[in-house]
Amino acid sequence: MDCAPCAYGLERGLKNMEGLESVKVSLNDGKAYLDLAKNNDLSLRQIQEEVNKNDFSAKKAEIVIKGTLVEQDGN
């Protein structure tokens, strides 16, 4: 990612997706930082397709999970 308008376009495209709480695209490191909304049903494939639709390629994904682990249905 080489220019601010490119980063802005990708960020705008990602922000239009349902299921994302916040989106930040960093021009400095060429990464997109996404916070998923609670109870979303987004898949990694859907996010990659949106990135590709904006003329970028999603090469790697690093997933960091934050929150509280809650027992559900005995598991």
N, C-alpha and C. Protein backbone atom coordinates (compact mmCIF):
# COMPACT_ATOMS: atom_id res chain seq x y z
N MET A 1 0.85 -1.15 0.00
CA MET A 1 0.00 0.00 0.00
C MET A 1 0.90 1.23 0.00
N ASP A 2 0.73 2.04 -1.03
CA ASP A 2 1.67 3.14 -1.22
C ASP A 2 1.10 4.54 -1.01
N CYS A 3 -0.22 4.67 -0.93
CA CYS A 3 -0.76 6.02 -0.86
C CYS A 3 -1.95 6.09 0.10
N ALA A 4 -2.15 7.28 0.65
CA ALA A 4 -3.25 7.49 1.59
C ALA A 4 -4.62 7.24 0.96
N PRO A 5 -4.87 7.68 -0.28
CA PRO A 5 -6.17 7.37 -0.88
C PRO A 5 -6.43 5.87 -1.02
N CYS A 6 -5.38 5.09 -1.25
CA CYS A 6 -5.53 3.63 -1.33
C CYS A 6 -5.95 3.07 0.02
N ALA A 7 -5.28 3.50 1.07
CA ALA A 7 -5.61 3.03 2.42
C ALA A 7 -7.03 3.45 2.79
N TYR A 8 -7.40 4.68 2.44
CA TYR A 8 -8.74 5.17 2.75
C TYR A 8 -9.80 4.36 2.01
N GLY A 9 -9.56 4.05 0.74
CA GLY A 9 -10.52 3.27 -0.05
C GLY A 9 -10.73 1.89 0.53
N LEU A 10 -9.65 1.23 0.94
CA LEU A 10 -9.77 -0.09 1.55
C LEU A 10 -10.51 0.01 2.88
N GLU A 11 -10.16 1.00 3.68
CA GLU A 11 -10.82 1.17 4.98
C GLU A 11 -12.31 1.41 4.79
N ARG A 12 -12.67 2.24 3.83
CA ARG A 12 -14.08 2.53 3.57
C ARG A 12 -14.82 1.27 3.13
N GLY A 13 -14.19 0.47 2.26
CA GLY A 13 -14.81 -0.77 1.81
C GLY A 13 -15.04 -1.74 2.95
N LEU A 14 -14.05 -1.88 3.82
CA LEU A 14 -14.19 -2.78 4.96
C LEU A 14 -15.24 -2.28 5.95
N LYS A 15 -15.30 -0.96 6.15
CA LYS A 15 -16.28 -0.40 7.09
C LYS A 15 -17.71 -0.64 6.64
N ASN A 16 -17.92 -0.86 5.35
CA ASN A 16 -19.26 -1.12 4.83
C ASN A 16 -19.73 -2.54 5.10
N MET A 17 -18.84 -3.40 5.58
CA MET A 17 -19.22 -4.78 5.84
C MET A 17 -19.96 -4.89 7.17
N GLU A 18 -21.06 -5.62 7.17
CA GLU A 18 -21.78 -5.87 8.42
C GLU A 18 -20.98 -6.87 9.25
N GLY A 19 -20.93 -6.63 10.55
CA GLY A 19 -20.23 -7.54 11.43
C GLY A 19 -18.89 -7.02 11.92
N LEU A 20 -18.47 -5.87 11.40
CA LEU A 20 -17.23 -5.26 11.88
C LEU A 20 -17.57 -4.08 12.77
N GLU A 21 -16.98 -4.06 13.95
CA GLU A 21 -17.22 -2.97 14.90
C GLU A 21 -16.33 -1.77 14.60
N SER A 22 -15.07 -2.04 14.27
CA SER A 22 -14.16 -0.95 13.91
C SER A 22 -13.13 -1.45 12.90
N VAL A 23 -12.64 -0.51 12.10
CA VAL A 23 -11.67 -0.81 11.05
C VAL A 23 -10.62 0.29 11.05
N LYS A 24 -9.36 -0.10 10.98
CA LYS A 24 -8.27 0.86 10.82
C LYS A 24 -7.28 0.27 9.84
N VAL A 25 -7.01 0.99 8.77
CA VAL A 25 -6.00 0.56 7.80
C VAL A 25 -4.79 1.44 8.00
N SER A 26 -3.65 0.83 8.23
CA SER A 26 -2.41 1.56 8.49
C SER A 26 -1.57 1.63 7.22
N LEU A 27 -1.35 2.84 6.76
CA LEU A 27 -0.49 3.06 5.60
C LEU A 27 0.96 2.73 5.95
N ASN A 28 1.35 2.97 7.21
CA ASN A 28 2.74 2.75 7.63
C ASN A 28 3.17 1.29 7.53
N ASP A 29 2.32 0.37 7.99
CA ASP A 29 2.73 -1.04 7.97
C ASP A 29 1.94 -1.89 6.98
N GLY A 30 1.01 -1.26 6.24
CA GLY A 30 0.27 -1.98 5.21
C GLY A 30 -0.68 -3.03 5.75
N LYS A 31 -1.20 -2.81 6.96
CA LYS A 31 -2.09 -3.79 7.58
C LYS A 31 -3.45 -3.17 7.87
N ALA A 32 -4.44 -4.05 7.92
CA ALA A 32 -5.78 -3.64 8.33
C ALA A 32 -6.05 -4.27 9.69
N TYR A 33 -6.55 -3.46 10.60
CA TYR A 33 -6.88 -3.91 11.95
C TYR A 33 -8.40 -3.88 12.08
N LEU A 34 -8.99 -5.03 12.37
CA LEU A 34 -10.43 -5.18 12.40
C LEU A 34 -10.88 -5.66 13.77
N ASP A 35 -11.91 -5.04 14.30
CA ASP A 35 -12.57 -5.53 15.51
C ASP A 35 -13.93 -6.04 15.09
N LEU A 36 -14.18 -7.31 15.36
CA LEU A 36 -15.45 -7.91 14.99
C LEU A 36 -16.52 -7.57 16.02
N ALA A 37 -17.73 -7.34 15.54
CA ALA A 37 -18.86 -7.09 16.43
C ALA A 37 -19.26 -8.40 17.10
N LYS A 38 -19.85 -8.28 18.26
CA LYS A 38 -20.32 -9.46 18.98
C LYS A 38 -21.39 -10.16 18.15
N ASN A 39 -21.36 -11.47 18.16
CA ASN A 39 -22.33 -12.31 17.43
C ASN A 39 -22.32 -12.09 15.92
N ASN A 40 -21.17 -11.72 15.37
CA ASN A 40 -21.08 -11.56 13.92
C ASN A 40 -20.98 -12.92 13.26
N ASP A 41 -21.21 -12.96 11.96
CA ASP A 41 -21.07 -14.22 11.24
C ASP A 41 -20.14 -14.06 10.03
N LEU A 42 -19.21 -13.13 10.14
CA LEU A 42 -18.24 -12.92 9.07
C LEU A 42 -17.24 -14.06 9.01
N SER A 43 -16.82 -14.37 7.80
CA SER A 43 -15.77 -15.37 7.63
C SER A 43 -14.51 -14.68 7.12
N LEU A 44 -13.38 -15.33 7.32
CA LEU A 44 -12.13 -14.80 6.81
C LEU A 44 -12.20 -14.65 5.29
N ARG A 45 -12.86 -15.59 4.63
CA ARG A 45 -13.01 -15.53 3.17
C ARG A 45 -13.75 -14.25 2.74
N GLN A 46 -14.80 -13.87 3.46
CA GLN A 46 -15.54 -12.66 3.12
C GLN A 46 -14.66 -11.42 3.25
N ILE A 47 -13.85 -11.39 4.29
CA ILE A 47 -12.95 -10.26 4.48
C ILE A 47 -11.91 -10.23 3.37
N GLN A 48 -11.35 -11.37 3.02
CA GLN A 48 -10.37 -11.44 1.94
C GLN A 48 -10.99 -11.00 0.62
N GLU A 49 -12.24 -11.38 0.36
CA GLU A 49 -12.90 -10.97 -0.88
C GLU A 49 -13.07 -9.46 -0.94
N GLU A 50 -13.39 -8.84 0.18
CA GLU A 50 -13.53 -7.38 0.21
C GLU A 50 -12.19 -6.72 -0.03
N VAL A 51 -11.13 -7.25 0.55
CA VAL A 51 -9.78 -6.72 0.32
C VAL A 51 -9.43 -6.84 -1.16
N ASN A 52 -9.68 -8.00 -1.75
CA ASN A 52 -9.39 -8.21 -3.18
C ASN A 52 -10.23 -7.29 -4.06
N LYS A 53 -11.47 -7.05 -3.68
CA LYS A 53 -12.37 -6.18 -4.45
C LYS A 53 -11.82 -4.76 -4.50
N ASN A 54 -11.03 -4.38 -3.52
CA ASN A 54 -10.43 -3.05 -3.47
C ASN A 54 -9.02 -3.05 -4.06
N ASP A 55 -8.72 -4.05 -4.90
CA ASP A 55 -7.45 -4.15 -5.63
C ASP A 55 -6.22 -4.37 -4.75
N PHE A 56 -6.41 -5.05 -3.63
CA PHE A 56 -5.30 -5.46 -2.78
C PHE A 56 -5.36 -6.97 -2.62
N SER A 57 -4.30 -7.54 -2.11
CA SER A 57 -4.33 -8.98 -1.84
C SER A 57 -4.07 -9.20 -0.36
N ALA A 58 -4.91 -10.05 0.22
CA ALA A 58 -4.75 -10.40 1.63
C ALA A 58 -3.81 -11.60 1.69
N LYS A 59 -2.56 -11.35 2.01
CA LYS A 59 -1.55 -12.41 1.98
C LYS A 59 -1.55 -13.25 3.25
N LYS A 60 -1.64 -12.59 4.39
CA LYS A 60 -1.60 -13.31 5.67
C LYS A 60 -2.65 -12.73 6.59
N ALA A 61 -3.11 -13.56 7.49
CA ALA A 61 -4.05 -13.09 8.51
C ALA A 61 -3.53 -13.53 9.86
N GLU A 62 -3.44 -12.60 10.76
CA GLU A 62 -3.09 -12.91 12.14
C GLU A 62 -4.32 -12.61 12.97
N ILE A 63 -4.80 -13.60 13.67
CA ILE A 63 -6.03 -13.45 14.43
C ILE A 63 -5.68 -13.41 15.91
N VAL A 64 -6.10 -12.34 16.56
CA VAL A 64 -5.90 -12.17 17.99
C VAL A 64 -7.28 -12.13 18.63
N ILE A 65 -7.50 -13.02 19.57
CA ILE A 65 -8.80 -13.09 20.23
C ILE A 65 -8.67 -12.52 21.63
N LYS A 66 -9.54 -11.57 21.95
CA LYS A 66 -9.56 -10.95 23.27
C LYS A 66 -10.95 -11.10 23.84
N GLY A 67 -11.04 -11.21 25.12
CA GLY A 67 -12.35 -11.30 25.75
C GLY A 67 -12.35 -12.28 26.90
N THR A 68 -13.53 -12.70 27.27
CA THR A 68 -13.71 -13.61 28.38
C THR A 68 -14.22 -14.94 27.87
N LEU A 69 -13.59 -16.01 28.29
CA LEU A 69 -14.03 -17.35 27.91
C LEU A 69 -15.18 -17.74 28.82
N VAL A 70 -16.31 -18.06 28.21
CA VAL A 70 -17.52 -18.39 28.95
C VAL A 70 -17.95 -19.80 28.61
N GLU A 71 -18.31 -20.57 29.64
CA GLU A 71 -18.81 -21.93 29.40
C GLU A 71 -20.19 -21.83 28.77
N GLN A 72 -20.39 -22.61 27.72
CA GLN A 72 -21.67 -22.60 27.03
C GLN A 72 -22.05 -24.03 26.70
N ASP A 73 -23.24 -24.43 27.05
CA ASP A 73 -23.74 -25.78 26.78
C ASP A 73 -22.81 -26.86 27.33
N GLY A 74 -22.24 -26.62 28.50
CA GLY A 74 -21.39 -27.61 29.15
C GLY A 74 -20.00 -27.74 28.57
N ASN A 75 -19.63 -26.89 27.64
CA ASN A 75 -18.29 -26.93 27.02
C ASN A 75 -17.49 -25.71 27.40
